Amino acid sequence: MNKTIKLLAAVGASIAIGAAIGVLFAPEEGYETRRKIVKRGKKLAGIVGDHIDEGKESMEEIKEILQKQLNKVNDRLGTMTK
C-alpha cells in the first residue's frame, strides 16, 4: 500500500508541475489556458476514478475467492478433528 501512495503522490506532483509549466508557456490568454487545464483535470479525475472503481471491484472478487478458500480449509479442519 505504501508504494501505491508514493506512486499516486508522484503522479499528482507531475501533473501539477506540468500544469504550472503549461500556464507559464501557454500561447493563449490566461482564461483560455485555465479553462483547458480544468477540462483536462476533470477528464483525468474521471479516468483515475474509473481505475479506482475497477480496483475496488477486483479487490471484492479476490476477497470472495479467499473467503471461499478459507471456508473450505475450515470445513476440512472441522472434519479432521471429529
N, C-alpha and C. Protein backbone atom coordinates (compact mmCIF):
# COMPACT_ATOMS: atom_id res chain seq x y z
N MET A 1 0.84 -1.20 0.00
CA MET A 1 0.00 0.00 0.00
C MET A 1 0.87 1.25 0.00
N ASN A 2 1.99 1.19 0.67
CA ASN A 2 2.88 2.34 0.76
C ASN A 2 3.42 2.74 -0.62
N LYS A 3 3.74 1.73 -1.45
CA LYS A 3 4.24 2.01 -2.80
C LYS A 3 3.16 2.68 -3.63
N THR A 4 1.92 2.26 -3.45
CA THR A 4 0.80 2.84 -4.19
C THR A 4 0.63 4.31 -3.85
N ILE A 5 0.72 4.63 -2.58
CA ILE A 5 0.58 6.03 -2.14
C ILE A 5 1.70 6.88 -2.72
N LYS A 6 2.91 6.35 -2.71
CA LYS A 6 4.05 7.08 -3.27
C LYS A 6 3.87 7.30 -4.77
N LEU A 7 3.37 6.27 -5.46
CA LEU A 7 3.15 6.39 -6.89
C LEU A 7 2.09 7.44 -7.19
N LEU A 8 0.98 7.41 -6.46
CA LEU A 8 -0.07 8.41 -6.68
C LEU A 8 0.42 9.83 -6.37
N ALA A 9 1.24 9.96 -5.34
CA ALA A 9 1.79 11.27 -5.00
C ALA A 9 2.71 11.77 -6.12
N ALA A 10 3.52 10.87 -6.67
CA ALA A 10 4.42 11.25 -7.77
C ALA A 10 3.62 11.65 -9.00
N VAL A 11 2.57 10.90 -9.31
CA VAL A 11 1.73 11.23 -10.46
C VAL A 11 1.06 12.59 -10.25
N GLY A 12 0.53 12.82 -9.06
CA GLY A 12 -0.11 14.09 -8.75
C GLY A 12 0.86 15.26 -8.86
N ALA A 13 2.07 15.07 -8.33
CA ALA A 13 3.08 16.12 -8.41
C ALA A 13 3.47 16.39 -9.87
N SER A 14 3.60 15.34 -10.65
CA SER A 14 3.93 15.51 -12.07
C SER A 14 2.86 16.28 -12.81
N ILE A 15 1.62 15.98 -12.49
CA ILE A 15 0.51 16.70 -13.13
C ILE A 15 0.54 18.17 -12.75
N ALA A 16 0.77 18.45 -11.48
CA ALA A 16 0.81 19.84 -11.02
C ALA A 16 1.95 20.61 -11.68
N ILE A 17 3.10 19.98 -11.77
CA ILE A 17 4.26 20.63 -12.40
C ILE A 17 3.98 20.87 -13.88
N GLY A 18 3.40 19.87 -14.54
CA GLY A 18 3.06 20.01 -15.95
C GLY A 18 2.07 21.13 -16.18
N ALA A 19 1.07 21.23 -15.31
CA ALA A 19 0.08 22.29 -15.43
C ALA A 19 0.72 23.66 -15.23
N ALA A 20 1.61 23.76 -14.26
CA ALA A 20 2.28 25.04 -14.00
C ALA A 20 3.13 25.47 -15.19
N ILE A 21 3.87 24.52 -15.75
CA ILE A 21 4.69 24.83 -16.92
C ILE A 21 3.80 25.23 -18.10
N GLY A 22 2.69 24.51 -18.25
CA GLY A 22 1.75 24.83 -19.33
C GLY A 22 1.21 26.24 -19.21
N VAL A 23 0.92 26.67 -18.00
CA VAL A 23 0.41 28.04 -17.79
C VAL A 23 1.49 29.07 -18.12
N LEU A 24 2.71 28.79 -17.70
CA LEU A 24 3.79 29.74 -17.93
C LEU A 24 4.11 29.92 -19.41
N PHE A 25 4.03 28.86 -20.19
CA PHE A 25 4.44 28.92 -21.58
C PHE A 25 3.26 28.85 -22.56
N ALA A 26 2.08 29.01 -22.09
CA ALA A 26 0.89 28.90 -22.94
C ALA A 26 0.80 30.09 -23.90
N PRO A 27 0.47 29.80 -25.17
CA PRO A 27 0.34 30.89 -26.13
C PRO A 27 -1.02 31.60 -26.03
N GLU A 28 -1.99 30.98 -25.36
CA GLU A 28 -3.31 31.59 -25.24
C GLU A 28 -3.38 32.53 -24.04
N GLU A 29 -4.49 33.21 -23.94
CA GLU A 29 -4.73 34.07 -22.79
C GLU A 29 -4.92 33.20 -21.54
N GLY A 30 -4.73 33.81 -20.40
CA GLY A 30 -4.82 33.10 -19.13
C GLY A 30 -6.15 32.39 -18.93
N TYR A 31 -7.25 33.06 -19.29
CA TYR A 31 -8.57 32.46 -19.11
C TYR A 31 -8.70 31.18 -19.91
N GLU A 32 -8.28 31.22 -21.17
CA GLU A 32 -8.39 30.06 -22.05
C GLU A 32 -7.51 28.92 -21.54
N THR A 33 -6.32 29.24 -21.08
CA THR A 33 -5.41 28.23 -20.55
C THR A 33 -5.99 27.58 -19.31
N ARG A 34 -6.53 28.40 -18.40
CA ARG A 34 -7.13 27.85 -17.18
C ARG A 34 -8.31 26.95 -17.51
N ARG A 35 -9.10 27.35 -18.49
CA ARG A 35 -10.26 26.55 -18.90
C ARG A 35 -9.80 25.18 -19.41
N LYS A 36 -8.74 25.17 -20.22
CA LYS A 36 -8.22 23.91 -20.75
C LYS A 36 -7.66 23.03 -19.63
N ILE A 37 -6.97 23.65 -18.68
CA ILE A 37 -6.41 22.89 -17.57
C ILE A 37 -7.53 22.26 -16.74
N VAL A 38 -8.57 23.02 -16.47
CA VAL A 38 -9.70 22.48 -15.71
C VAL A 38 -10.35 21.34 -16.47
N LYS A 39 -10.54 21.51 -17.76
CA LYS A 39 -11.17 20.47 -18.59
C LYS A 39 -10.33 19.19 -18.56
N ARG A 40 -9.04 19.32 -18.74
CA ARG A 40 -8.15 18.16 -18.72
C ARG A 40 -8.08 17.54 -17.32
N GLY A 41 -8.11 18.38 -16.31
CA GLY A 41 -8.09 17.87 -14.93
C GLY A 41 -9.32 17.04 -14.63
N LYS A 42 -10.46 17.51 -15.09
CA LYS A 42 -11.70 16.75 -14.88
C LYS A 42 -11.65 15.42 -15.61
N LYS A 43 -11.12 15.45 -16.83
CA LYS A 43 -11.00 14.21 -17.60
C LYS A 43 -10.08 13.23 -16.88
N LEU A 44 -8.96 13.72 -16.39
CA LEU A 44 -8.01 12.88 -15.68
C LEU A 44 -8.64 12.34 -14.39
N ALA A 45 -9.37 13.18 -13.68
CA ALA A 45 -10.04 12.74 -12.46
C ALA A 45 -11.03 11.61 -12.77
N GLY A 46 -11.72 11.72 -13.88
CA GLY A 46 -12.65 10.66 -14.28
C GLY A 46 -11.92 9.36 -14.57
N ILE A 47 -10.79 9.45 -15.26
CA ILE A 47 -10.01 8.26 -15.57
C ILE A 47 -9.49 7.61 -14.30
N VAL A 48 -8.94 8.42 -13.41
CA VAL A 48 -8.43 7.90 -12.13
C VAL A 48 -9.57 7.27 -11.34
N GLY A 49 -10.72 7.93 -11.31
CA GLY A 49 -11.88 7.38 -10.60
C GLY A 49 -12.31 6.04 -11.16
N ASP A 50 -12.27 5.92 -12.49
CA ASP A 50 -12.62 4.64 -13.12
C ASP A 50 -11.64 3.54 -12.70
N HIS A 51 -10.37 3.88 -12.67
CA HIS A 51 -9.37 2.89 -12.26
C HIS A 51 -9.54 2.49 -10.80
N ILE A 52 -9.88 3.44 -9.97
CA ILE A 52 -10.12 3.14 -8.56
C ILE A 52 -11.32 2.22 -8.41
N ASP A 53 -12.38 2.50 -9.16
CA ASP A 53 -13.57 1.64 -9.13
C ASP A 53 -13.23 0.23 -9.58
N GLU A 54 -12.45 0.11 -10.66
CA GLU A 54 -12.03 -1.20 -11.15
C GLU A 54 -11.21 -1.93 -10.08
N GLY A 55 -10.33 -1.19 -9.43
CA GLY A 55 -9.51 -1.79 -8.36
C GLY A 55 -10.36 -2.29 -7.21
N LYS A 56 -11.37 -1.52 -6.84
CA LYS A 56 -12.27 -1.94 -5.76
C LYS A 56 -13.01 -3.21 -6.15
N GLU A 57 -13.49 -3.27 -7.40
CA GLU A 57 -14.19 -4.47 -7.86
C GLU A 57 -13.27 -5.68 -7.84
N SER A 58 -12.04 -5.50 -8.28
CA SER A 58 -11.07 -6.60 -8.27
C SER A 58 -10.80 -7.07 -6.84
N MET A 59 -10.68 -6.13 -5.93
CA MET A 59 -10.42 -6.48 -4.53
C MET A 59 -11.61 -7.25 -3.94
N GLU A 60 -12.83 -6.87 -4.30
CA GLU A 60 -14.01 -7.59 -3.83
C GLU A 60 -14.02 -9.02 -4.36
N GLU A 61 -13.66 -9.19 -5.64
CA GLU A 61 -13.60 -10.52 -6.22
C GLU A 61 -12.56 -11.38 -5.52
N ILE A 62 -11.40 -10.80 -5.27
CA ILE A 62 -10.34 -11.52 -4.56
C ILE A 62 -10.79 -11.88 -3.16
N LYS A 63 -11.46 -10.97 -2.50
CA LYS A 63 -11.96 -11.22 -1.14
C LYS A 63 -12.93 -12.40 -1.13
N GLU A 64 -13.82 -12.45 -2.12
CA GLU A 64 -14.78 -13.55 -2.20
C GLU A 64 -14.07 -14.88 -2.43
N ILE A 65 -13.08 -14.89 -3.32
CA ILE A 65 -12.34 -16.11 -3.60
C ILE A 65 -11.61 -16.59 -2.35
N LEU A 66 -10.94 -15.66 -1.67
CA LEU A 66 -10.22 -16.02 -0.45
C LEU A 66 -11.16 -16.51 0.65
N GLN A 67 -12.33 -15.90 0.75
CA GLN A 67 -13.30 -16.32 1.75
C GLN A 67 -13.77 -17.75 1.48
N LYS A 68 -14.01 -18.08 0.20
CA LYS A 68 -14.42 -19.43 -0.16
C LYS A 68 -13.32 -20.43 0.18
N GLN A 69 -12.08 -20.08 -0.12
CA GLN A 69 -10.97 -20.97 0.18
C GLN A 69 -10.81 -21.16 1.69
N LEU A 70 -10.98 -20.09 2.44
CA LEU A 70 -10.89 -20.18 3.90
C LEU A 70 -11.99 -21.07 4.45
N ASN A 71 -13.19 -20.94 3.91
CA ASN A 71 -14.29 -21.79 4.35
C ASN A 71 -14.00 -23.27 4.06
N LYS A 72 -13.39 -23.55 2.89
CA LYS A 72 -13.03 -24.93 2.56
C LYS A 72 -12.01 -25.48 3.55
N VAL A 73 -11.02 -24.67 3.87
CA VAL A 73 -9.99 -25.09 4.84
C VAL A 73 -10.63 -25.34 6.20
N ASN A 74 -11.50 -24.44 6.63
CA ASN A 74 -12.17 -24.61 7.92
C ASN A 74 -13.02 -25.88 7.94
N ASP A 75 -13.71 -26.17 6.83
CA ASP A 75 -14.52 -27.39 6.74
C ASP A 75 -13.64 -28.63 6.84
N ARG A 76 -12.51 -28.62 6.15
CA ARG A 76 -11.59 -29.76 6.19
C ARG A 76 -11.02 -29.96 7.58
N LEU A 77 -10.66 -28.86 8.22
CA LEU A 77 -10.13 -28.96 9.59
C LEU A 77 -11.19 -29.46 10.55
N GLY A 78 -12.43 -29.04 10.32
CA GLY A 78 -13.53 -29.49 11.17
C GLY A 78 -13.79 -30.96 11.05
N THR A 79 -13.68 -31.51 9.84
CA THR A 79 -13.89 -32.94 9.64
C THR A 79 -12.71 -33.74 10.15
N MET A 80 -11.54 -33.16 10.20
CA MET A 80 -10.35 -33.87 10.69
C MET A 80 -10.39 -34.02 12.20
N THR A 81 -10.99 -33.08 12.89
CA THR A 81 -10.99 -33.12 14.35
C THR A 81 -12.15 -33.94 14.89
N LYS A 82 -13.08 -34.33 14.05
CA LYS A 82 -14.24 -35.10 14.53
C LYS A 82 -13.94 -36.56 14.64
